[in-house]
All heavy atoms as atom14 arrays in JSON, in Angstrom:
{
  "sequence": "ASFDGKDQFISLQGDTVNVSRGPAAGLIAIKHLGTNGGGYFGANSAH",
  "atom14_mask": [
    [1, 1, 1, 1, 1, 0, 0, 0, 0, 0, 0, 0, 0, 0],
    [1, 1, 1, 1, 1, 1, 0, 0, 0, 0, 0, 0, 0, 0],
    [1, 1, 1, 1, 1, 1, 1, 1, 1, 1, 1, 0, 0, 0],
    [1, 1, 1, 1, 1, 1, 1, 1, 0, 0, 0, 0, 0, 0],
    [1, 1, 1, 1, 0, 0, 0, 0, 0, 0, 0, 0, 0, 0],
    [1, 1, 1, 1, 1, 1, 1, 1, 1, 0, 0, 0, 0, 0],
    [1, 1, 1, 1, 1, 1, 1, 1, 0, 0, 0, 0, 0, 0],
    [1, 1, 1, 1, 1, 1, 1, 1, 1, 0, 0, 0, 0, 0],
    [1, 1, 1, 1, 1, 1, 1, 1, 1, 1, 1, 0, 0, 0],
    [1, 1, 1, 1, 1, 1, 1, 1, 0, 0, 0, 0, 0, 0],
    [1, 1, 1, 1, 1, 1, 0, 0, 0, 0, 0, 0, 0, 0],
    [1, 1, 1, 1, 1, 1, 1, 1, 0, 0, 0, 0, 0, 0],
    [1, 1, 1, 1, 1, 1, 1, 1, 1, 0, 0, 0, 0, 0],
    [1, 1, 1, 1, 0, 0, 0, 0, 0, 0, 0, 0, 0, 0],
    [1, 1, 1, 1, 1, 1, 1, 1, 0, 0, 0, 0, 0, 0],
    [1, 1, 1, 1, 1, 1, 1, 0, 0, 0, 0, 0, 0, 0],
    [1, 1, 1, 1, 1, 1, 1, 0, 0, 0, 0, 0, 0, 0],
    [1, 1, 1, 1, 1, 1, 1, 1, 0, 0, 0, 0, 0, 0],
    [1, 1, 1, 1, 1, 1, 1, 0, 0, 0, 0, 0, 0, 0],
    [1, 1, 1, 1, 1, 1, 0, 0, 0, 0, 0, 0, 0, 0],
    [1, 1, 1, 1, 1, 1, 1, 1, 1, 1, 1, 0, 0, 0],
    [1, 1, 1, 1, 0, 0, 0, 0, 0, 0, 0, 0, 0, 0],
    [1, 1, 1, 1, 1, 1, 1, 0, 0, 0, 0, 0, 0, 0],
    [1, 1, 1, 1, 1, 0, 0, 0, 0, 0, 0, 0, 0, 0],
    [1, 1, 1, 1, 1, 0, 0, 0, 0, 0, 0, 0, 0, 0],
    [1, 1, 1, 1, 0, 0, 0, 0, 0, 0, 0, 0, 0, 0],
    [1, 1, 1, 1, 1, 1, 1, 1, 0, 0, 0, 0, 0, 0],
    [1, 1, 1, 1, 1, 1, 1, 1, 0, 0, 0, 0, 0, 0],
    [1, 1, 1, 1, 1, 0, 0, 0, 0, 0, 0, 0, 0, 0],
    [1, 1, 1, 1, 1, 1, 1, 1, 0, 0, 0, 0, 0, 0],
    [1, 1, 1, 1, 1, 1, 1, 1, 1, 0, 0, 0, 0, 0],
    [1, 1, 1, 1, 1, 1, 1, 1, 1, 1, 0, 0, 0, 0],
    [1, 1, 1, 1, 1, 1, 1, 1, 0, 0, 0, 0, 0, 0],
    [1, 1, 1, 1, 0, 0, 0, 0, 0, 0, 0, 0, 0, 0],
    [1, 1, 1, 1, 1, 1, 1, 0, 0, 0, 0, 0, 0, 0],
    [1, 1, 1, 1, 1, 1, 1, 1, 0, 0, 0, 0, 0, 0],
    [1, 1, 1, 1, 0, 0, 0, 0, 0, 0, 0, 0, 0, 0],
    [1, 1, 1, 1, 0, 0, 0, 0, 0, 0, 0, 0, 0, 0],
    [1, 1, 1, 1, 0, 0, 0, 0, 0, 0, 0, 0, 0, 0],
    [1, 1, 1, 1, 1, 1, 1, 1, 1, 1, 1, 1, 0, 0],
    [1, 1, 1, 1, 1, 1, 1, 1, 1, 1, 1, 0, 0, 0],
    [1, 1, 1, 1, 0, 0, 0, 0, 0, 0, 0, 0, 0, 0],
    [1, 1, 1, 1, 1, 0, 0, 0, 0, 0, 0, 0, 0, 0],
    [1, 1, 1, 1, 1, 1, 1, 1, 0, 0, 0, 0, 0, 0],
    [1, 1, 1, 1, 1, 1, 0, 0, 0, 0, 0, 0, 0, 0],
    [1, 1, 1, 1, 1, 0, 0, 0, 0, 0, 0, 0, 0, 0],
    [1, 1, 1, 1, 1, 1, 1, 1, 1, 1, 0, 0, 0, 0]
  ],
  "atom14_positions": [
    [[-1.0, -7.75, -3.42], [-0.32, -8.24, -4.63], [-1.39, -8.49, -5.69], [-1.58, -9.61, -6.16], [0.46, -9.51, -4.33], [0.0, 0.0, 0.0], [0.0, 0.0, 0.0], [0.0, 0.0, 0.0], [0.0, 0.0, 0.0], [0.0, 0.0, 0.0], [0.0, 0.0, 0.0], [0.0, 0.0, 0.0], [0.0, 0.0, 0.0], [0.0, 0.0, 0.0]],
    [[-2.12, -7.43, -6.05], [-3.21, -7.55, -7.02], [-3.28, -6.28, -7.86], [-2.52, -5.34, -7.64], [-4.53, -7.75, -6.28], [-4.93, -6.55, -5.64], [0.0, 0.0, 0.0], [0.0, 0.0, 0.0], [0.0, 0.0, 0.0], [0.0, 0.0, 0.0], [0.0, 0.0, 0.0], [0.0, 0.0, 0.0], [0.0, 0.0, 0.0], [0.0, 0.0, 0.0]],
    [[-4.2, -6.27, -8.81], [-4.41, -5.09, -9.65], [-5.76, -4.43, -9.35], [-6.26, -3.64, -10.15], [-4.32, -5.47, -11.13], [-2.91, -5.77, -11.58], [-2.43, -7.07, -11.57], [-2.07, -4.76, -11.98], [-1.14, -7.34, -11.97], [-0.77, -5.02, -12.38], [-0.3, -6.33, -12.37], [0.0, 0.0, 0.0], [0.0, 0.0, 0.0], [0.0, 0.0, 0.0]],
    [[-6.34, -4.76, -8.21], [-7.6, -4.13, -7.82], [-7.37, -2.67, -7.45], [-6.31, -2.29, -6.96], [-8.2, -4.85, -6.61], [-8.61, -6.28, -6.95], [-8.98, -6.53, -8.11], [-8.53, -7.14, -6.05], [0.0, 0.0, 0.0], [0.0, 0.0, 0.0], [0.0, 0.0, 0.0], [0.0, 0.0, 0.0], [0.0, 0.0, 0.0], [0.0, 0.0, 0.0]],
    [[-8.41, -1.85, -7.67], [-8.34, -0.44, -7.29], [-8.56, -0.26, -5.8], [-8.52, -1.22, -5.02], [0.0, 0.0, 0.0], [0.0, 0.0, 0.0], [0.0, 0.0, 0.0], [0.0, 0.0, 0.0], [0.0, 0.0, 0.0], [0.0, 0.0, 0.0], [0.0, 0.0, 0.0], [0.0, 0.0, 0.0], [0.0, 0.0, 0.0], [0.0, 0.0, 0.0]],
    [[-8.79, 0.96, -5.39], [-8.97, 1.25, -3.97], [-10.16, 0.5, -3.39], [-11.18, 0.33, -4.04], [-9.16, 2.76, -3.75], [-7.92, 3.58, -4.04], [-8.16, 5.05, -3.76], [-6.89, 5.87, -4.02], [-7.1, 7.32, -3.76], [0.0, 0.0, 0.0], [0.0, 0.0, 0.0], [0.0, 0.0, 0.0], [0.0, 0.0, 0.0], [0.0, 0.0, 0.0]],
    [[-9.99, 0.06, -2.16], [-11.08, -0.59, -1.43], [-11.67, 0.42, -0.45], [-11.03, 1.4, -0.09], [-10.54, -1.81, -0.67], [-11.65, -2.73, -0.22], [-12.81, -2.5, -0.62], [-11.37, -3.68, 0.53], [0.0, 0.0, 0.0], [0.0, 0.0, 0.0], [0.0, 0.0, 0.0], [0.0, 0.0, 0.0], [0.0, 0.0, 0.0], [0.0, 0.0, 0.0]],
    [[-12.89, 0.16, -0.03], [-13.56, 1.05, 0.91], [-13.99, 0.28, 2.16], [-14.33, -0.9, 2.09], [-14.81, 1.69, 0.28], [-14.52, 2.74, -0.75], [-15.8, 3.45, -1.19], [-16.9, 3.0, -0.91], [-15.64, 4.56, -1.88], [0.0, 0.0, 0.0], [0.0, 0.0, 0.0], [0.0, 0.0, 0.0], [0.0, 0.0, 0.0], [0.0, 0.0, 0.0]],
    [[-13.91, 0.96, 3.3], [-14.49, 0.4, 4.52], [-14.99, 1.54, 5.4], [-14.59, 2.69, 5.23], [-13.47, -0.49, 5.27], [-12.38, 0.28, 5.97], [-12.52, 0.64, 7.3], [-11.22, 0.65, 5.31], [-11.53, 1.33, 7.96], [-10.22, 1.35, 5.95], [-10.37, 1.69, 7.29], [0.0, 0.0, 0.0], [0.0, 0.0, 0.0], [0.0, 0.0, 0.0]],
    [[-15.86, 1.2, 6.31], [-16.44, 2.19, 7.22], [-15.68, 2.12, 8.53], [-15.57, 1.05, 9.16], [-17.93, 1.92, 7.48], [-18.69, 1.83, 6.13], [-18.52, 3.01, 8.36], [-18.61, 3.08, 5.29], [0.0, 0.0, 0.0], [0.0, 0.0, 0.0], [0.0, 0.0, 0.0], [0.0, 0.0, 0.0], [0.0, 0.0, 0.0], [0.0, 0.0, 0.0]],
    [[-15.1, 3.24, 8.95], [-14.32, 3.27, 10.18], [-15.23, 3.22, 11.4], [-16.47, 3.31, 11.29], [-13.46, 4.54, 10.23], [-14.28, 5.68, 10.44], [0.0, 0.0, 0.0], [0.0, 0.0, 0.0], [0.0, 0.0, 0.0], [0.0, 0.0, 0.0], [0.0, 0.0, 0.0], [0.0, 0.0, 0.0], [0.0, 0.0, 0.0], [0.0, 0.0, 0.0]],
    [[-14.62, 3.08, 12.59], [-15.39, 3.06, 13.83], [-16.12, 4.37, 14.06], [-17.13, 4.42, 14.78], [-14.44, 2.79, 15.01], [-13.81, 1.39, 15.05], [-12.83, 1.29, 16.2], [-14.89, 0.31, 15.18], [0.0, 0.0, 0.0], [0.0, 0.0, 0.0], [0.0, 0.0, 0.0], [0.0, 0.0, 0.0], [0.0, 0.0, 0.0], [0.0, 0.0, 0.0]],
    [[-15.61, 5.45, 13.44], [-16.25, 6.76, 13.58], [-17.39, 6.94, 12.57], [-18.06, 7.96, 12.57], [-15.23, 7.88, 13.38], [-14.17, 7.92, 14.47], [-13.11, 8.97, 14.19], [-12.67, 9.13, 13.05], [-12.72, 9.7, 15.21], [0.0, 0.0, 0.0], [0.0, 0.0, 0.0], [0.0, 0.0, 0.0], [0.0, 0.0, 0.0], [0.0, 0.0, 0.0]],
    [[-17.54, 5.96, 11.67], [-18.59, 6.05, 10.68], [-18.16, 6.7, 9.38], [-19.01, 6.96, 8.51], [0.0, 0.0, 0.0], [0.0, 0.0, 0.0], [0.0, 0.0, 0.0], [0.0, 0.0, 0.0], [0.0, 0.0, 0.0], [0.0, 0.0, 0.0], [0.0, 0.0, 0.0], [0.0, 0.0, 0.0], [0.0, 0.0, 0.0], [0.0, 0.0, 0.0]],
    [[-16.86, 6.99, 9.23], [-16.37, 7.61, 8.01], [-16.08, 6.55, 6.95], [-15.66, 5.43, 7.25], [-15.09, 8.39, 8.29], [-15.31, 9.52, 9.3], [-16.41, 10.11, 9.28], [-14.39, 9.78, 10.1], [0.0, 0.0, 0.0], [0.0, 0.0, 0.0], [0.0, 0.0, 0.0], [0.0, 0.0, 0.0], [0.0, 0.0, 0.0], [0.0, 0.0, 0.0]],
    [[-16.27, 6.94, 5.7], [-15.91, 6.08, 4.58], [-14.44, 6.31, 4.24], [-14.04, 7.44, 3.95], [-16.77, 6.36, 3.35], [-18.14, 6.12, 3.69], [-16.37, 5.47, 2.18], [0.0, 0.0, 0.0], [0.0, 0.0, 0.0], [0.0, 0.0, 0.0], [0.0, 0.0, 0.0], [0.0, 0.0, 0.0], [0.0, 0.0, 0.0], [0.0, 0.0, 0.0]],
    [[-13.63, 5.26, 4.28], [-12.19, 5.37, 4.06], [-11.81, 4.59, 2.81], [-12.21, 3.43, 2.64], [-11.4, 4.83, 5.28], [-9.9, 4.95, 5.03], [-11.81, 5.57, 6.54], [0.0, 0.0, 0.0], [0.0, 0.0, 0.0], [0.0, 0.0, 0.0], [0.0, 0.0, 0.0], [0.0, 0.0, 0.0], [0.0, 0.0, 0.0], [0.0, 0.0, 0.0]],
    [[-11.07, 5.24, 1.92], [-10.54, 4.58, 0.72], [-9.12, 4.12, 0.97], [-8.27, 4.92, 1.36], [-10.58, 5.54, -0.47], [-12.0, 5.92, -0.87], [-12.87, 5.06, -0.95], [-12.24, 7.19, -1.11], [0.0, 0.0, 0.0], [0.0, 0.0, 0.0], [0.0, 0.0, 0.0], [0.0, 0.0, 0.0], [0.0, 0.0, 0.0], [0.0, 0.0, 0.0]],
    [[-8.86, 2.85, 0.74], [-7.54, 2.26, 1.01], [-6.92, 1.82, -0.31], [-7.5, 1.0, -1.04], [-7.63, 1.07, 1.97], [-6.25, 0.48, 2.23], [-8.28, 1.5, 3.28], [0.0, 0.0, 0.0], [0.0, 0.0, 0.0], [0.0, 0.0, 0.0], [0.0, 0.0, 0.0], [0.0, 0.0, 0.0], [0.0, 0.0, 0.0], [0.0, 0.0, 0.0]],
    [[-5.75, 2.34, -0.63], [-5.06, 1.98, -1.87], [-4.52, 0.56, -1.79], [-4.1, 0.09, -0.72], [-3.92, 2.96, -2.14], [-4.41, 4.26, -2.37], [0.0, 0.0, 0.0], [0.0, 0.0, 0.0], [0.0, 0.0, 0.0], [0.0, 0.0, 0.0], [0.0, 0.0, 0.0], [0.0, 0.0, 0.0], [0.0, 0.0, 0.0], [0.0, 0.0, 0.0]],
    [[-4.55, -0.11, -2.93], [-4.0, -1.46, -3.03], [-3.1, -1.51, -4.26], [-2.54, -0.52, -4.65], [-5.13, -2.49, -3.11], [-5.99, -2.53, -1.87], [-7.07, -3.58, -1.97], [-8.11, -3.22, -2.94], [-9.19, -3.96, -3.22], [-9.36, -5.1, -2.59], [-10.09, -3.55, -4.09], [0.0, 0.0, 0.0], [0.0, 0.0, 0.0], [0.0, 0.0, 0.0]],
    [[-2.94, -2.7, -4.82], [-2.15, -2.82, -6.04], [-1.04, -3.84, -5.92], [-0.9, -4.53, -4.9], [0.0, 0.0, 0.0], [0.0, 0.0, 0.0], [0.0, 0.0, 0.0], [0.0, 0.0, 0.0], [0.0, 0.0, 0.0], [0.0, 0.0, 0.0], [0.0, 0.0, 0.0], [0.0, 0.0, 0.0], [0.0, 0.0, 0.0], [0.0, 0.0, 0.0]],
    [[-0.19, -3.95, -6.94], [0.9, -4.94, -6.95], [2.09, -4.47, -6.12], [3.15, -4.12, -6.64], [1.25, -5.03, -8.44], [0.93, -3.67, -8.98], [-0.28, -3.2, -8.21], [0.0, 0.0, 0.0], [0.0, 0.0, 0.0], [0.0, 0.0, 0.0], [0.0, 0.0, 0.0], [0.0, 0.0, 0.0], [0.0, 0.0, 0.0], [0.0, 0.0, 0.0]],
    [[1.9, -4.47, -4.8], [2.9, -3.86, -3.92], [4.0, -4.82, -3.46], [5.14, -4.42, -3.3], [2.2, -3.27, -2.69], [0.0, 0.0, 0.0], [0.0, 0.0, 0.0], [0.0, 0.0, 0.0], [0.0, 0.0, 0.0], [0.0, 0.0, 0.0], [0.0, 0.0, 0.0], [0.0, 0.0, 0.0], [0.0, 0.0, 0.0], [0.0, 0.0, 0.0]],
    [[3.67, -6.09, -3.23], [4.62, -7.01, -2.6], [5.92, -7.14, -3.39], [7.01, -7.12, -2.82], [3.96, -8.38, -2.42], [0.0, 0.0, 0.0], [0.0, 0.0, 0.0], [0.0, 0.0, 0.0], [0.0, 0.0, 0.0], [0.0, 0.0, 0.0], [0.0, 0.0, 0.0], [0.0, 0.0, 0.0], [0.0, 0.0, 0.0], [0.0, 0.0, 0.0]],
    [[5.82, -7.28, -4.71], [7.03, -7.45, -5.52], [7.91, -6.22, -5.5], [9.15, -6.33, -5.43], [0.0, 0.0, 0.0], [0.0, 0.0, 0.0], [0.0, 0.0, 0.0], [0.0, 0.0, 0.0], [0.0, 0.0, 0.0], [0.0, 0.0, 0.0], [0.0, 0.0, 0.0], [0.0, 0.0, 0.0], [0.0, 0.0, 0.0], [0.0, 0.0, 0.0]],
    [[7.29, -5.04, -5.55], [8.08, -3.81, -5.52], [8.76, -3.64, -4.17], [9.93, -3.23, -4.11], [7.17, -2.62, -5.83], [7.86, -1.25, -5.99], [7.13, -0.41, -7.03], [7.91, -0.48, -4.67], [0.0, 0.0, 0.0], [0.0, 0.0, 0.0], [0.0, 0.0, 0.0], [0.0, 0.0, 0.0], [0.0, 0.0, 0.0], [0.0, 0.0, 0.0]],
    [[8.06, -3.94, -3.09], [8.64, -3.77, -1.76], [9.81, -4.73, -1.56], [10.8, -4.41, -0.9], [7.56, -3.97, -0.69], [6.49, -2.88, -0.82], [8.15, -3.94, 0.72], [5.19, -3.19, -0.12], [0.0, 0.0, 0.0], [0.0, 0.0, 0.0], [0.0, 0.0, 0.0], [0.0, 0.0, 0.0], [0.0, 0.0, 0.0], [0.0, 0.0, 0.0]],
    [[9.72, -5.92, -2.16], [10.8, -6.89, -2.03], [12.08, -6.38, -2.68], [13.15, -6.39, -2.05], [10.37, -8.22, -2.67], [0.0, 0.0, 0.0], [0.0, 0.0, 0.0], [0.0, 0.0, 0.0], [0.0, 0.0, 0.0], [0.0, 0.0, 0.0], [0.0, 0.0, 0.0], [0.0, 0.0, 0.0], [0.0, 0.0, 0.0], [0.0, 0.0, 0.0]],
    [[12.0, -5.91, -3.92], [13.22, -5.47, -4.6], [13.68, -4.11, -4.09], [14.86, -3.78, -4.14], [13.02, -5.44, -6.14], [14.34, -5.16, -6.86], [11.97, -4.41, -6.52], [15.45, -6.14, -6.57], [0.0, 0.0, 0.0], [0.0, 0.0, 0.0], [0.0, 0.0, 0.0], [0.0, 0.0, 0.0], [0.0, 0.0, 0.0], [0.0, 0.0, 0.0]],
    [[12.76, -3.33, -3.54], [13.18, -2.03, -3.0], [14.15, -2.23, -1.85], [15.06, -1.41, -1.65], [11.97, -1.2, -2.53], [11.58, -1.37, -1.07], [10.6, -0.32, -0.63], [10.34, -0.47, 0.88], [9.39, 0.5, 1.4], [0.0, 0.0, 0.0], [0.0, 0.0, 0.0], [0.0, 0.0, 0.0], [0.0, 0.0, 0.0], [0.0, 0.0, 0.0]],
    [[14.01, -3.32, -1.1], [14.94, -3.58, 0.0], [16.12, -4.41, -0.44], [17.26, -4.1, -0.12], [14.2, -4.25, 1.15], [13.34, -3.31, 1.93], [11.99, -3.46, 2.09], [13.65, -2.16, 2.58], [11.5, -2.46, 2.8], [12.49, -1.65, 3.1], [0.0, 0.0, 0.0], [0.0, 0.0, 0.0], [0.0, 0.0, 0.0], [0.0, 0.0, 0.0]],
    [[15.88, -5.48, -1.17], [16.98, -6.34, -1.58], [17.98, -5.57, -2.45], [19.19, -5.76, -2.33], [16.45, -7.55, -2.34], [17.48, -8.62, -2.65], [17.94, -9.31, -1.36], [16.91, -9.66, -3.62], [0.0, 0.0, 0.0], [0.0, 0.0, 0.0], [0.0, 0.0, 0.0], [0.0, 0.0, 0.0], [0.0, 0.0, 0.0], [0.0, 0.0, 0.0]],
    [[17.48, -4.68, -3.3], [18.35, -3.9, -4.18], [18.8, -2.59, -3.58], [19.34, -1.74, -4.28], [0.0, 0.0, 0.0], [0.0, 0.0, 0.0], [0.0, 0.0, 0.0], [0.0, 0.0, 0.0], [0.0, 0.0, 0.0], [0.0, 0.0, 0.0], [0.0, 0.0, 0.0], [0.0, 0.0, 0.0], [0.0, 0.0, 0.0], [0.0, 0.0, 0.0]],
    [[18.57, -2.4, -2.27], [18.89, -1.15, -1.55], [18.37, 0.06, -2.32], [19.05, 1.05, -2.48], [20.39, -1.02, -1.26], [21.14, -0.92, -2.48], [20.9, -2.18, -0.45], [0.0, 0.0, 0.0], [0.0, 0.0, 0.0], [0.0, 0.0, 0.0], [0.0, 0.0, 0.0], [0.0, 0.0, 0.0], [0.0, 0.0, 0.0], [0.0, 0.0, 0.0]],
    [[17.13, -0.04, -2.8], [16.51, 1.07, -3.51], [15.81, 2.01, -2.53], [16.24, 3.13, -2.33], [15.49, 0.53, -4.53], [16.14, -0.28, -5.63], [16.69, 0.27, -6.56], [16.09, -1.6, -5.53], [0.0, 0.0, 0.0], [0.0, 0.0, 0.0], [0.0, 0.0, 0.0], [0.0, 0.0, 0.0], [0.0, 0.0, 0.0], [0.0, 0.0, 0.0]],
    [[14.7, 1.53, -1.92], [14.1, 2.28, -0.83], [12.82, 3.0, -1.12], [12.13, 3.42, -0.2], [0.0, 0.0, 0.0], [0.0, 0.0, 0.0], [0.0, 0.0, 0.0], [0.0, 0.0, 0.0], [0.0, 0.0, 0.0], [0.0, 0.0, 0.0], [0.0, 0.0, 0.0], [0.0, 0.0, 0.0], [0.0, 0.0, 0.0], [0.0, 0.0, 0.0]],
    [[12.46, 3.19, -2.39], [11.24, 3.92, -2.68], [10.0, 3.15, -2.28], [9.81, 1.99, -2.64], [0.0, 0.0, 0.0], [0.0, 0.0, 0.0], [0.0, 0.0, 0.0], [0.0, 0.0, 0.0], [0.0, 0.0, 0.0], [0.0, 0.0, 0.0], [0.0, 0.0, 0.0], [0.0, 0.0, 0.0], [0.0, 0.0, 0.0], [0.0, 0.0, 0.0]],
    [[9.1, 3.78, -1.54], [7.93, 3.09, -1.02], [6.81, 3.0, -2.03], [6.59, 3.92, -2.83], [0.0, 0.0, 0.0], [0.0, 0.0, 0.0], [0.0, 0.0, 0.0], [0.0, 0.0, 0.0], [0.0, 0.0, 0.0], [0.0, 0.0, 0.0], [0.0, 0.0, 0.0], [0.0, 0.0, 0.0], [0.0, 0.0, 0.0], [0.0, 0.0, 0.0]],
    [[6.09, 1.87, -2.01], [4.89, 1.76, -2.84], [3.84, 2.73, -2.31], [3.11, 3.35, -3.08], [4.35, 0.33, -2.81], [3.2, 0.12, -3.75], [3.4, -0.31, -5.05], [1.88, 0.36, -3.35], [2.34, -0.49, -5.93], [0.82, 0.19, -4.21], [1.04, -0.24, -5.5], [-0.02, -0.39, -6.36], [0.0, 0.0, 0.0], [0.0, 0.0, 0.0]],
    [[3.77, 2.86, -0.99], [2.87, 3.81, -0.35], [3.67, 5.01, 0.15], [4.87, 4.91, 0.39], [2.13, 3.14, 0.82], [1.28, 1.97, 0.42], [1.75, 0.67, 0.58], [0.03, 2.14, -0.14], [0.98, -0.43, 0.21], [-0.75, 1.06, -0.51], [-0.27, -0.24, -0.34], [0.0, 0.0, 0.0], [0.0, 0.0, 0.0], [0.0, 0.0, 0.0]],
    [[2.99, 6.13, 0.34], [3.68, 7.35, 0.73], [4.4, 7.24, 2.05], [5.46, 7.83, 2.24], [0.0, 0.0, 0.0], [0.0, 0.0, 0.0], [0.0, 0.0, 0.0], [0.0, 0.0, 0.0], [0.0, 0.0, 0.0], [0.0, 0.0, 0.0], [0.0, 0.0, 0.0], [0.0, 0.0, 0.0], [0.0, 0.0, 0.0], [0.0, 0.0, 0.0]],
    [[3.84, 6.47, 2.99], [4.46, 6.33, 4.31], [5.56, 5.29, 4.33], [6.14, 5.0, 5.38], [3.4, 5.97, 5.35], [0.0, 0.0, 0.0], [0.0, 0.0, 0.0], [0.0, 0.0, 0.0], [0.0, 0.0, 0.0], [0.0, 0.0, 0.0], [0.0, 0.0, 0.0], [0.0, 0.0, 0.0], [0.0, 0.0, 0.0], [0.0, 0.0, 0.0]],
    [[5.84, 4.7, 3.15], [6.91, 3.72, 3.0], [6.67, 2.54, 3.94], [5.53, 2.12, 4.11], [8.27, 4.39, 3.25], [9.41, 3.72, 2.5], [9.88, 2.66, 2.88], [9.86, 4.36, 1.43], [0.0, 0.0, 0.0], [0.0, 0.0, 0.0], [0.0, 0.0, 0.0], [0.0, 0.0, 0.0], [0.0, 0.0, 0.0], [0.0, 0.0, 0.0]],
    [[7.67, 2.01, 4.58], [7.49, 0.81, 5.4], [6.93, 1.11, 6.79], [6.9, 0.21, 7.65], [8.81, 0.04, 5.51], [9.09, -0.61, 4.3], [0.0, 0.0, 0.0], [0.0, 0.0, 0.0], [0.0, 0.0, 0.0], [0.0, 0.0, 0.0], [0.0, 0.0, 0.0], [0.0, 0.0, 0.0], [0.0, 0.0, 0.0], [0.0, 0.0, 0.0]],
    [[6.49, 2.33, 7.03], [5.68, 2.62, 8.21], [4.2, 2.35, 7.93], [3.38, 2.35, 8.83], [5.86, 4.07, 8.64], [0.0, 0.0, 0.0], [0.0, 0.0, 0.0], [0.0, 0.0, 0.0], [0.0, 0.0, 0.0], [0.0, 0.0, 0.0], [0.0, 0.0, 0.0], [0.0, 0.0, 0.0], [0.0, 0.0, 0.0], [0.0, 0.0, 0.0]],
    [[3.87, 2.1, 6.65], [2.49, 1.83, 6.24], [2.14, 0.38, 6.61], [2.91, -0.54, 6.35], [2.35, 2.03, 4.73], [0.94, 2.11, 4.24], [0.09, 1.02, 4.2], [0.21, 3.16, 3.77], [-1.08, 1.38, 3.73], [-1.04, 2.67, 3.46], [0.0, 0.0, 0.0], [0.0, 0.0, 0.0], [0.0, 0.0, 0.0], [0.0, 0.0, 0.0]]
  ]
}
């Protein structure tokens, strides 16, 4: 629930991984309460 850009971390395999962030919590709340459904992330609520 922020406006920060992608974060980075090093995986167990040693790869650099970019993780998307952003103001997701509010959108996810109304996507369900309003029976909308569009995911903030591509994998939707499997993310």
